[in-house]
C-alpha atoms as a PDB file:
ATOM      1  CA  MET A   1      71.643  49.184 -55.476  1.00  0.00           C
ATOM      2  CA  THR A   2      69.641  50.899 -52.745  1.00  0.00           C
ATOM      3  CA  THR A   3      65.950  50.125 -52.339  1.00  0.00           C
ATOM      4  CA  ARG A   4      63.091  52.562 -51.893  1.00  0.00           C
ATOM      5  CA  ILE A   5      62.986  51.570 -48.223  1.00  0.00           C
ATOM      6  CA  GLU A   6      66.663  52.326 -47.694  1.00  0.00           C
ATOM      7  CA  ARG A   7      66.379  55.641 -49.537  1.00  0.00           C
ATOM      8  CA  ARG A   8      63.339  56.668 -47.507  1.00  0.00           C
ATOM      9  CA  PHE A   9      64.987  55.973 -44.150  1.00  0.00           C
ATOM     10  CA  GLY A  10      68.117  57.780 -45.339  1.00  0.00           C
ATOM     11  CA  GLU A  11      66.011  60.846 -46.176  1.00  0.00           C
ATOM     12  CA  LEU A  12      64.246  60.727 -42.806  1.00  0.00           C
ATOM     13  CA  LYS A  13      67.533  60.404 -40.941  1.00  0.00           C
ATOM     14  CA  ARG A  14      68.795  63.531 -42.669  1.00  0.00           C
ATOM     15  CA  ASP A  15      65.530  65.276 -41.756  1.00  0.00           C
ATOM     16  CA  GLY A  16      65.934  64.196 -38.124  1.00  0.00           C
ATOM     17  CA  ARG A  17      62.562  62.521 -37.708  1.00  0.00           C
ATOM     18  CA  ALA A  18      61.033  59.091 -37.416  1.00  0.00           C
ATOM     19  CA  ALA A  19      59.015  57.341 -40.105  1.00  0.00           C
ATOM     20  CA  LEU A  20      55.278  56.804 -40.009  1.00  0.00           C
ATOM     21  CA  VAL A  21      54.689  53.268 -41.255  1.00  0.00           C
ATOM     22  CA  THR A  22      51.016  52.631 -41.992  1.00  0.00           C
ATOM     23  CA  PHE A  23      49.362  49.225 -42.323  1.00  0.00           C
ATOM     24  CA  THR A  24      46.229  48.676 -44.353  1.00  0.00           C
ATOM     25  CA  MET A  25      44.672  45.430 -45.527  1.00  0.00           C
ATOM     26  CA  ALA A  26      44.669  44.916 -49.281  1.00  0.00           C
ATOM     27  CA  GLY A  27      41.103  44.634 -50.528  1.00  0.00           C
ATOM     28  CA  ASP A  28      39.424  46.000 -47.391  1.00  0.00           C
ATOM     29  CA  PRO A  29      36.507  46.613 -47.674  1.00  0.00           C
ATOM     30  CA  ASP A  30      36.734  46.170 -51.469  1.00  0.00           C
ATOM     31  CA  TYR A  31      39.393  46.526 -54.138  1.00  0.00           C
ATOM     32  CA  GLY A  32      38.493  50.025 -55.329  1.00  0.00           C
ATOM     33  CA  SER A  33      38.209  51.508 -51.846  1.00  0.00           C
ATOM     34  CA  SER A  34      41.431  49.816 -50.767  1.00  0.00           C
ATOM     35  CA  LEU A  35      43.302  51.262 -53.742  1.00  0.00           C
ATOM     36  CA  ALA A  36      41.904  54.728 -52.981  1.00  0.00           C
ATOM     37  CA  ILE A  37      43.036  54.420 -49.351  1.00  0.00           C
ATOM     38  CA  VAL A  38      46.557  53.364 -50.326  1.00  0.00           C
ATOM     39  CA  LYS A  39      46.804  56.203 -52.850  1.00  0.00           C
ATOM     40  CA  ALA A  40      45.752  58.696 -50.141  1.00  0.00           C
ATOM     41  CA  LEU A  41      48.317  57.566 -47.555  1.00  0.00           C
ATOM     42  CA  PRO A  42      51.481  59.353 -48.803  1.00  0.00           C
ATOM     43  CA  ASP A  43      49.813  62.778 -49.044  1.00  0.00           C
ATOM     44  CA  ALA A  44      48.348  62.245 -45.565  1.00  0.00           C
ATOM     45  CA  GLY A  45      51.848  61.693 -44.144  1.00  0.00           C
ATOM     46  CA  ALA A  46      52.679  57.988 -44.482  1.00  0.00           C
ATOM     47  CA  ASP A  47      56.373  57.388 -45.182  1.00  0.00           C
ATOM     48  CA  VAL A  48      56.180  53.615 -45.690  1.00  0.00           C
ATOM     49  CA  ILE A  49      53.104  51.547 -46.521  1.00  0.00           C
ATOM     50  CA  GLU A  50      52.603  48.034 -45.221  1.00  0.00           C
ATOM     51  CA  LEU A  51      49.966  46.224 -47.246  1.00  0.00           C
ATOM     52  CA  GLY A  52      48.378  43.211 -45.629  1.00  0.00           C
ATOM     53  CA  MET A  53      47.989  39.990 -47.612  1.00  0.00           C
ATOM     54  CA  PRO A  54      44.605  38.658 -46.419  1.00  0.00           C
ATOM     55  CA  PHE A  55      44.677  35.146 -44.991  1.00  0.00           C
ATOM     56  CA  THR A  56      42.084  32.947 -43.321  1.00  0.00           C
ATOM     57  CA  ASP A  57      44.187  32.069 -40.245  1.00  0.00           C
ATOM     58  CA  PRO A  58      46.126  35.170 -39.127  1.00  0.00           C
ATOM     59  CA  MET A  59      47.506  33.885 -35.828  1.00  0.00           C
ATOM     60  CA  ALA A  60      49.367  37.035 -34.753  1.00  0.00           C
ATOM     61  CA  ASP A  61      46.548  39.458 -35.533  1.00  0.00           C
ATOM     62  CA  GLY A  62      43.937  40.798 -33.179  1.00  0.00           C
ATOM     63  CA  PRO A  63      40.206  41.079 -33.892  1.00  0.00           C
ATOM     64  CA  ALA A  64      40.453  44.310 -35.909  1.00  0.00           C
ATOM     65  CA  ILE A  65      42.968  43.035 -38.460  1.00  0.00           C
ATOM     66  CA  GLN A  66      41.355  39.585 -38.534  1.00  0.00           C
ATOM     67  CA  ALA A  67      38.062  41.239 -39.447  1.00  0.00           C
ATOM     68  CA  ALA A  68      39.753  43.364 -42.112  1.00  0.00           C
ATOM     69  CA  GLY A  69      41.248  40.263 -43.693  1.00  0.00           C
ATOM     70  CA  LEU A  70      37.892  38.501 -43.725  1.00  0.00           C
ATOM     71  CA  ARG A  71      36.215  41.546 -45.316  1.00  0.00           C
ATOM     72  CA  ALA A  72      38.912  41.552 -47.985  1.00  0.00           C
ATOM     73  CA  LEU A  73      38.589  37.828 -48.685  1.00  0.00           C
ATOM     74  CA  LYS A  74      34.814  38.149 -48.875  1.00  0.00           C
ATOM     75  CA  SER A  75      35.226  40.900 -51.475  1.00  0.00           C
ATOM     76  CA  GLY A  76      37.331  38.561 -53.623  1.00  0.00           C
ATOM     77  CA  GLN A  77      40.822  39.703 -52.708  1.00  0.00           C
ATOM     78  CA  ASN A  78      43.628  37.269 -53.478  1.00  0.00           C
ATOM     79  CA  MET A  79      47.357  37.464 -54.163  1.00  0.00           C
ATOM     80  CA  LYS A  80      46.912  38.316 -57.830  1.00  0.00           C
ATOM     81  CA  ARG A  81      44.621  41.228 -56.955  1.00  0.00           C
ATOM     82  CA  THR A  82      46.974  42.373 -54.178  1.00  0.00           C
ATOM     83  CA  LEU A  83      49.877  42.557 -56.600  1.00  0.00           C
ATOM     84  CA  GLY A  84      47.590  44.299 -59.081  1.00  0.00           C
ATOM     85  CA  LEU A  85      46.755  46.884 -56.427  1.00  0.00           C
ATOM     86  CA  VAL A  86      50.466  47.574 -55.907  1.00  0.00           C
ATOM     87  CA  ARG A  87      50.939  47.887 -59.666  1.00  0.00           C
ATOM     88  CA  GLU A  88      48.110  50.429 -59.932  1.00  0.00           C
ATOM     89  CA  PHE A  89      49.524  52.405 -56.997  1.00  0.00           C
ATOM     90  CA  ARG A  90      52.960  52.422 -58.629  1.00  0.00           C
ATOM     91  CA  SER A  91      51.570  53.990 -61.803  1.00  0.00           C
ATOM     92  CA  GLY A  92      51.173  57.226 -59.838  1.00  0.00           C
ATOM     93  CA  ASP A  93      53.830  56.925 -57.113  1.00  0.00           C
ATOM     94  CA  ASP A  94      57.325  55.622 -57.755  1.00  0.00           C
ATOM     95  CA  THR A  95      58.899  56.702 -54.450  1.00  0.00           C
ATOM     96  CA  THR A  96      56.794  55.514 -51.492  1.00  0.00           C
ATOM     97  CA  PRO A  97      58.017  52.119 -50.249  1.00  0.00           C
ATOM     98  CA  ILE A  98      55.513  49.250 -50.243  1.00  0.00           C
ATOM     99  CA  VAL A  99      55.979  46.280 -47.914  1.00  0.00           C
ATOM    100  CA  LEU A 100      53.750  43.226 -48.157  1.00  0.00           C
ATOM    101  CA  MET A 101      52.983  41.858 -44.703  1.00  0.00           C
ATOM    102  CA  GLY A 102      51.335  38.632 -43.718  1.00  0.00           C
ATOM    103  CA  TYR A 103      51.779  34.885 -43.641  1.00  0.00           C
ATOM    104  CA  TYR A 104      53.640  32.393 -45.762  1.00  0.00           C
ATOM    105  CA  ASN A 105      50.679  30.282 -46.886  1.00  0.00           C
ATOM    106  CA  PRO A 106      49.333  32.688 -49.574  1.00  0.00           C
ATOM    107  CA  ILE A 107      52.866  33.059 -50.986  1.00  0.00           C
ATOM    108  CA  TYR A 108      53.454  29.308 -50.928  1.00  0.00           C
ATOM    109  CA  VAL A 109      50.156  28.616 -52.684  1.00  0.00           C
ATOM    110  CA  TYR A 110      50.923  31.268 -55.321  1.00  0.00           C
ATOM    111  CA  GLY A 111      54.397  29.754 -55.811  1.00  0.00           C
ATOM    112  CA  VAL A 112      57.550  31.346 -54.391  1.00  0.00           C
ATOM    113  CA  ASP A 113      59.391  31.831 -57.688  1.00  0.00           C
ATOM    114  CA  ARG A 114      56.302  33.199 -59.427  1.00  0.00           C
ATOM    115  CA  PHE A 115      55.531  35.418 -56.450  1.00  0.00           C
ATOM    116  CA  LEU A 116      58.998  36.990 -56.373  1.00  0.00           C
ATOM    117  CA  VAL A 117      58.926  37.719 -60.106  1.00  0.00           C
ATOM    118  CA  ASP A 118      55.403  39.159 -60.046  1.00  0.00           C
ATOM    119  CA  ALA A 119      55.904  41.146 -56.821  1.00  0.00           C
ATOM    120  CA  LYS A 120      59.096  42.705 -58.185  1.00  0.00           C
ATOM    121  CA  SER A 121      57.374  43.588 -61.433  1.00  0.00           C
ATOM    122  CA  ALA A 122      54.437  45.138 -59.543  1.00  0.00           C
ATOM    123  CA  GLY A 123      56.721  47.400 -57.481  1.00  0.00           C
ATOM    124  CA  VAL A 124      56.863  45.697 -54.083  1.00  0.00           C
ATOM    125  CA  ASP A 125      59.948  46.683 -52.062  1.00  0.00           C
ATOM    126  CA  GLY A 126      59.924  44.509 -48.966  1.00  0.00           C
ATOM    127  CA  LEU A 127      58.362  41.525 -47.242  1.00  0.00           C
ATOM    128  CA  ILE A 128      57.313  40.801 -43.664  1.00  0.00           C
ATOM    129  CA  VAL A 129      56.315  37.163 -43.256  1.00  0.00           C
ATOM    130  CA  VAL A 130      55.527  36.699 -39.605  1.00  0.00           C
ATOM    131  CA  ASP A 131      55.397  32.901 -39.452  1.00  0.00           C
ATOM    132  CA  LEU A 132      58.731  32.114 -41.164  1.00  0.00           C
ATOM    133  CA  PRO A 133      61.518  31.941 -38.543  1.00  0.00           C
ATOM    134  CA  PRO A 134      65.194  32.432 -39.457  1.00  0.00           C
ATOM    135  CA  GLU A 135      65.663  28.657 -39.471  1.00  0.00           C
ATOM    136  CA  GLU A 136      63.504  28.598 -42.625  1.00  0.00           C
ATOM    137  CA  ASP A 137      65.392  31.356 -44.474  1.00  0.00           C
ATOM    138  CA  ALA A 138      66.090  29.127 -47.477  1.00  0.00           C
ATOM    139  CA  GLU A 139      62.326  28.857 -48.046  1.00  0.00           C
ATOM    140  CA  LEU A 140      61.713  32.517 -48.927  1.00  0.00           C
ATOM    141  CA  CYS A 141      64.058  34.984 -47.223  1.00  0.00           C
ATOM    142  CA  VAL A 142      67.268  34.145 -49.114  1.00  0.00           C
ATOM    143  CA  PRO A 143      65.566  33.977 -52.541  1.00  0.00           C
ATOM    144  CA  ALA A 144      63.813  37.281 -51.784  1.00  0.00           C
ATOM    145  CA  LEU A 145      67.077  38.995 -50.852  1.00  0.00           C
ATOM    146  CA  ARG A 146      68.682  37.709 -54.043  1.00  0.00           C
ATOM    147  CA  ALA A 147      65.751  39.094 -56.022  1.00  0.00           C
ATOM    148  CA  GLY A 148      66.334  42.575 -54.560  1.00  0.00           C
ATOM    149  CA  PHE A 149      63.683  42.728 -51.857  1.00  0.00           C
ATOM    150  CA  ASN A 150      64.218  43.889 -48.310  1.00  0.00           C
ATOM    151  CA  PHE A 151      63.255  41.113 -45.895  1.00  0.00           C
ATOM    152  CA  ILE A 152      62.079  42.676 -42.660  1.00  0.00           C
ATOM    153  CA  ARG A 153      62.184  40.600 -39.514  1.00  0.00           C
ATOM    154  CA  LEU A 154      60.251  40.992 -36.279  1.00  0.00           C
ATOM    155  CA  ALA A 155      61.959  41.209 -32.886  1.00  0.00           C
ATOM    156  CA  THR A 156      59.829  40.881 -29.752  1.00  0.00           C
ATOM    157  CA  PRO A 157      60.149  41.511 -26.021  1.00  0.00           C
ATOM    158  CA  THR A 158      61.150  37.859 -25.666  1.00  0.00           C
ATOM    159  CA  THR A 159      63.954  38.041 -28.266  1.00  0.00           C
ATOM    160  CA  ASP A 160      67.001  37.979 -25.986  1.00  0.00           C
ATOM    161  CA  ASP A 161      70.614  38.879 -26.810  1.00  0.00           C
ATOM    162  CA  ARG A 162      71.449  35.283 -27.711  1.00  0.00           C
ATOM    163  CA  ARG A 163      68.588  35.015 -30.192  1.00  0.00           C
ATOM    164  CA  LEU A 164      68.834  38.526 -31.644  1.00  0.00           C
ATOM    165  CA  PRO A 165      71.871  37.937 -33.928  1.00  0.00           C
ATOM    166  CA  THR A 166      70.042  35.003 -35.540  1.00  0.00           C
ATOM    167  CA  VAL A 167      66.956  37.152 -36.105  1.00  0.00           C
ATOM    168  CA  LEU A 168      69.032  39.955 -37.596  1.00  0.00           C
ATOM    169  CA  ALA A 169      71.279  37.800 -39.784  1.00  0.00           C
ATOM    170  CA  ASN A 170      69.315  38.167 -43.037  1.00  0.00           C
ATOM    171  CA  THR A 171      67.200  41.164 -42.069  1.00  0.00           C
ATOM    172  CA  SER A 172      67.328  44.261 -44.270  1.00  0.00           C
ATOM    173  CA  GLY A 173      65.444  47.528 -44.734  1.00  0.00           C
ATOM    174  CA  PHE A 174      64.446  47.914 -41.104  1.00  0.00           C
ATOM    175  CA  VAL A 175      63.769  45.889 -37.975  1.00  0.00           C
ATOM    176  CA  TYR A 176      60.169  45.713 -36.784  1.00  0.00           C
ATOM    177  CA  TYR A 177      60.074  45.697 -32.982  1.00  0.00           C
ATOM    178  CA  VAL A 178      56.849  44.203 -31.643  1.00  0.00           C
ATOM    179  CA  SER A 179      56.326  46.358 -28.578  1.00  0.00           C
ATOM    180  CA  ILE A 180      54.015  43.994 -26.677  1.00  0.00           C
ATOM    181  CA  THR A 181      53.652  40.259 -26.258  1.00  0.00           C
ATOM    182  CA  GLY A 182      50.487  38.925 -27.818  1.00  0.00           C
ATOM    183  CA  ILE A 183      48.345  39.896 -30.778  1.00  0.00           C
ATOM    184  CA  THR A 184      48.007  43.182 -32.635  1.00  0.00           C
ATOM    185  CA  GLY A 185      45.935  45.918 -31.058  1.00  0.00           C
ATOM    186  CA  ALA A 186      45.660  44.119 -27.721  1.00  0.00           C
ATOM    187  CA  ALA A 187      47.297  46.654 -25.407  1.00  0.00           C
ATOM    188  CA  ALA A 188      49.228  49.918 -25.284  1.00  0.00           C
ATOM    189  CA  PRO A 189      53.029  49.623 -25.174  1.00  0.00           C
ATOM    190  CA  ASP A 190      55.095  50.910 -22.248  1.00  0.00           C
ATOM    191  CA  PRO A 191      57.289  53.752 -23.607  1.00  0.00           C
ATOM    192  CA  GLY A 192      60.148  53.213 -21.165  1.00  0.00           C
ATOM    193  CA  ARG A 193      60.426  49.520 -21.891  1.00  0.00           C
ATOM    194  CA  VAL A 194      60.162  50.117 -25.618  1.00  0.00           C
ATOM    195  CA  ALA A 195      62.940  52.739 -25.578  1.00  0.00           C
ATOM    196  CA  ALA A 196      65.212  50.345 -23.677  1.00  0.00           C
ATOM    197  CA  ALA A 197      64.433  47.513 -26.081  1.00  0.00           C
ATOM    198  CA  VAL A 198      65.118  49.683 -29.140  1.00  0.00           C
ATOM    199  CA  ALA A 199      68.438  50.765 -27.650  1.00  0.00           C
ATOM    200  CA  ARG A 200      69.346  47.124 -27.042  1.00  0.00           C
ATOM    201  CA  ILE A 201      68.512  46.142 -30.622  1.00  0.00           C
ATOM    202  CA  LYS A 202      70.566  49.052 -31.931  1.00  0.00           C
ATOM    203  CA  ARG A 203      73.610  47.654 -30.169  1.00  0.00           C
ATOM    204  CA  HIS A 204      73.339  44.699 -32.560  1.00  0.00           C
ATOM    205  CA  THR A 205      72.502  46.426 -35.859  1.00  0.00           C
ATOM    206  CA  THR A 206      72.798  49.643 -37.839  1.00  0.00           C
ATOM    207  CA  LEU A 207      69.364  49.100 -39.396  1.00  0.00           C
ATOM    208  CA  PRO A 208      66.500  51.455 -38.505  1.00  0.00           C
ATOM    209  CA  VAL A 209      64.216  50.096 -35.779  1.00  0.00           C
ATOM    210  CA  CYS A 210      60.460  50.670 -36.092  1.00  0.00           C
ATOM    211  CA  VAL A 211      58.010  50.061 -33.258  1.00  0.00           C
ATOM    212  CA  GLY A 212      54.572  48.579 -33.799  1.00  0.00           C
ATOM    213  CA  PHE A 213      51.662  46.743 -32.104  1.00  0.00           C
ATOM    214  CA  GLY A 214      49.439  48.816 -29.827  1.00  0.00           C
ATOM    215  CA  VAL A 215      50.121  52.332 -31.173  1.00  0.00           C
ATOM    216  CA  ARG A 216      46.731  53.929 -31.812  1.00  0.00           C
ATOM    217  CA  THR A 217      46.897  57.678 -31.153  1.00  0.00           C
ATOM    218  CA  ALA A 218      48.952  60.669 -32.228  1.00  0.00           C
ATOM    219  CA  GLU A 219      50.233  61.078 -28.658  1.00  0.00           C
ATOM    220  CA  GLN A 220      51.385  57.452 -28.478  1.00  0.00           C
ATOM    221  CA  ALA A 221      53.072  57.863 -31.858  1.00  0.00           C
ATOM    222  CA  ARG A 222      54.820  61.016 -30.646  1.00  0.00           C
ATOM    223  CA  VAL A 223      56.168  59.281 -27.550  1.00  0.00           C
ATOM    224  CA  MET A 224      57.332  56.184 -29.445  1.00  0.00           C
ATOM    225  CA  ALA A 225      59.000  58.288 -32.135  1.00  0.00           C
ATOM    226  CA  GLN A 226      61.309  59.875 -29.585  1.00  0.00           C
ATOM    227  CA  GLY A 227      63.195  56.606 -29.179  1.00  0.00           C
ATOM    228  CA  ALA A 228      62.665  54.782 -32.478  1.00  0.00           C
ATOM    229  CA  ASP A 229      63.368  55.298 -36.169  1.00  0.00           C
ATOM    230  CA  GLY A 230      59.771  54.623 -37.086  1.00  0.00           C
ATOM    231  CA  VAL A 231      56.316  53.975 -35.685  1.00  0.00           C
ATOM    232  CA  VAL A 232      53.971  51.376 -37.189  1.00  0.00           C
ATOM    233  CA  VAL A 233      50.206  51.837 -36.928  1.00  0.00           C
ATOM    234  CA  GLY A 234      47.812  49.190 -38.167  1.00  0.00           C
ATOM    235  CA  SER A 235      44.839  48.236 -36.000  1.00  0.00           C
ATOM    236  CA  ALA A 236      43.756  51.845 -35.531  1.00  0.00           C
ATOM    237  CA  LEU A 237      43.680  52.378 -39.289  1.00  0.00           C
ATOM    238  CA  VAL A 238      41.696  49.245 -40.069  1.00  0.00           C
ATOM    239  CA  GLU A 239      39.317  50.240 -37.276  1.00  0.00           C
ATOM    240  CA  ALA A 240      38.901  53.610 -39.024  1.00  0.00           C
ATOM    241  CA  VAL A 241      37.870  51.686 -42.128  1.00  0.00           C
ATOM    242  CA  ARG A 242      35.413  49.545 -40.165  1.00  0.00           C
ATOM    243  CA  GLY A 243      33.900  52.547 -38.424  1.00  0.00           C
ATOM    244  CA  SER A 244      33.250  54.261 -41.754  1.00  0.00           C
ATOM    245  CA  LEU A 245      31.303  51.411 -43.330  1.00  0.00           C
ATOM    246  CA  GLY A 246      27.595  51.544 -43.908  1.00  0.00           C
ATOM    247  CA  ALA A 247      25.012  49.289 -42.306  1.00  0.00           C
ATOM    248  CA  ASP A 248      25.487  46.912 -45.224  1.00  0.00           C
ATOM    249  CA  GLY A 249      29.219  46.631 -44.489  1.00  0.00           C
ATOM    250  CA  LYS A 250      30.183  48.468 -47.648  1.00  0.00           C
ATOM    251  CA  ALA A 251      32.390  51.540 -48.088  1.00  0.00           C
ATOM    252  CA  THR A 252      30.835  54.977 -47.802  1.00  0.00           C
ATOM    253  CA  ALA A 253      31.869  58.449 -48.905  1.00  0.00           C
ATOM    254  CA  ALA A 254      33.631  58.790 -45.531  1.00  0.00           C
ATOM    255  CA  THR A 255      35.842  55.690 -45.782  1.00  0.00           C
ATOM    256  CA  VAL A 256      38.970  57.074 -47.443  1.00  0.00           C
ATOM    257  CA  GLY A 257      38.763  60.389 -45.593  1.00  0.00           C
ATOM    258  CA  SER A 258      38.480  58.698 -42.190  1.00  0.00           C
ATOM    259  CA  VAL A 259      41.734  56.823 -42.718  1.00  0.00           C
ATOM    260  CA  ALA A 260      43.528  59.836 -44.197  1.00  0.00           C
ATOM    261  CA  ALA A 261      42.482  62.066 -41.292  1.00  0.00           C
ATOM    262  CA  LEU A 262      43.900  59.631 -38.741  1.00  0.00           C
ATOM    263  CA  VAL A 263      47.145  59.307 -40.708  1.00  0.00           C
ATOM    264  CA  ARG A 264      47.506  63.108 -40.794  1.00  0.00           C
ATOM    265  CA  ALA A 265      47.085  63.259 -37.020  1.00  0.00           C
ATOM    266  CA  LEU A 266      49.623  60.473 -36.483  1.00  0.00           C
ATOM    267  CA  ALA A 267      52.098  62.154 -38.826  1.00  0.00           C
ATOM    268  CA  ASP A 268      51.718  65.432 -36.929  1.00  0.00           C
ATOM    269  CA  GLY A 269      52.389  63.573 -33.679  1.00  0.00           C
ATOM    270  CA  ILE A 270      55.585  62.028 -35.018  1.00  0.00           C
ATOM    271  CA  ARG A 271      56.835  65.340 -36.370  1.00  0.00           C
ATOM    272  CA  GLY A 272      56.102  66.857 -32.970  1.00  0.00           C
ATOM    273  CA  ALA A 273      58.301  64.226 -31.337  1.00  0.00           C
ATOM    274  CA  ARG A 274      61.357  65.409 -33.159  1.00  0.00           C
ATOM    275  CA  ARG A 275      60.566  69.049 -32.361  1.00  0.00           C
ATOM    276  CA  VAL A 276      60.317  68.194 -28.658  1.00  0.00           C
ATOM    277  CA  ALA A 277      63.610  66.313 -28.814  1.00  0.00           C
ATOM    278  CA  ALA A 278      65.296  69.233 -30.553  1.00  0.00           C
ATOM    279  CA  ASP A 279      64.002  71.731 -27.978  1.00  0.00           C
ATOM    280  CA  SER A 280      64.992  69.714 -24.911  1.00  0.00           C
END
């Protein structure tokens, strides 16, 4: 049985364009605003939604996403509320793929078996758990695959050809290529190096390859989309949330619209990439 993620990438391949994968932190800056943001993403041009699971010690995240997670935790966000947010989103959208992204600790505390049952029931399609290496696949990855989830693995600039088959062994849905070494939002990726890395990964797998970390503008998204199957944007979107907040740190009337406007611009950039490729 194909998943929403697999169907979406199949549709995009037929359309001849890359996916826009958007990351937003569940519960940032509060539950209601977060739900409104997630509901606005598909109409703004998001093809896949990554929903962050807030955690107190996000070691791979830069200051923007760390701050988003802390805002969410302060507002009372937890795993139960994150799954509830997905469930509410699903009541109005049964086609847009939802991927939960974050760290293993919140899943472990919730209970793996309980988490897989509740996440499936809520309408989650895939998982990205950045601190579980392939050597720990029995912990979560294998049970998740058996339960019908896509388990999406990260490849990095330091993942060489000897390591790559191990990383890809139980990966499904798509491969997330981390375009820079370091934390999220720290630097802009080099397009030439990224294109070469994507091509190398594609020699090892037929899965779509999406590029993330450091993509902030429509022009960067356009360039990355020329050589990848998808472009992931996260820090720029959570910064759009932060920039829209009032002096009291709470959401304003501009919060949802600020994120949606940036997503529309990014989506236009990605669509422009395929037009350029077709004209050249």
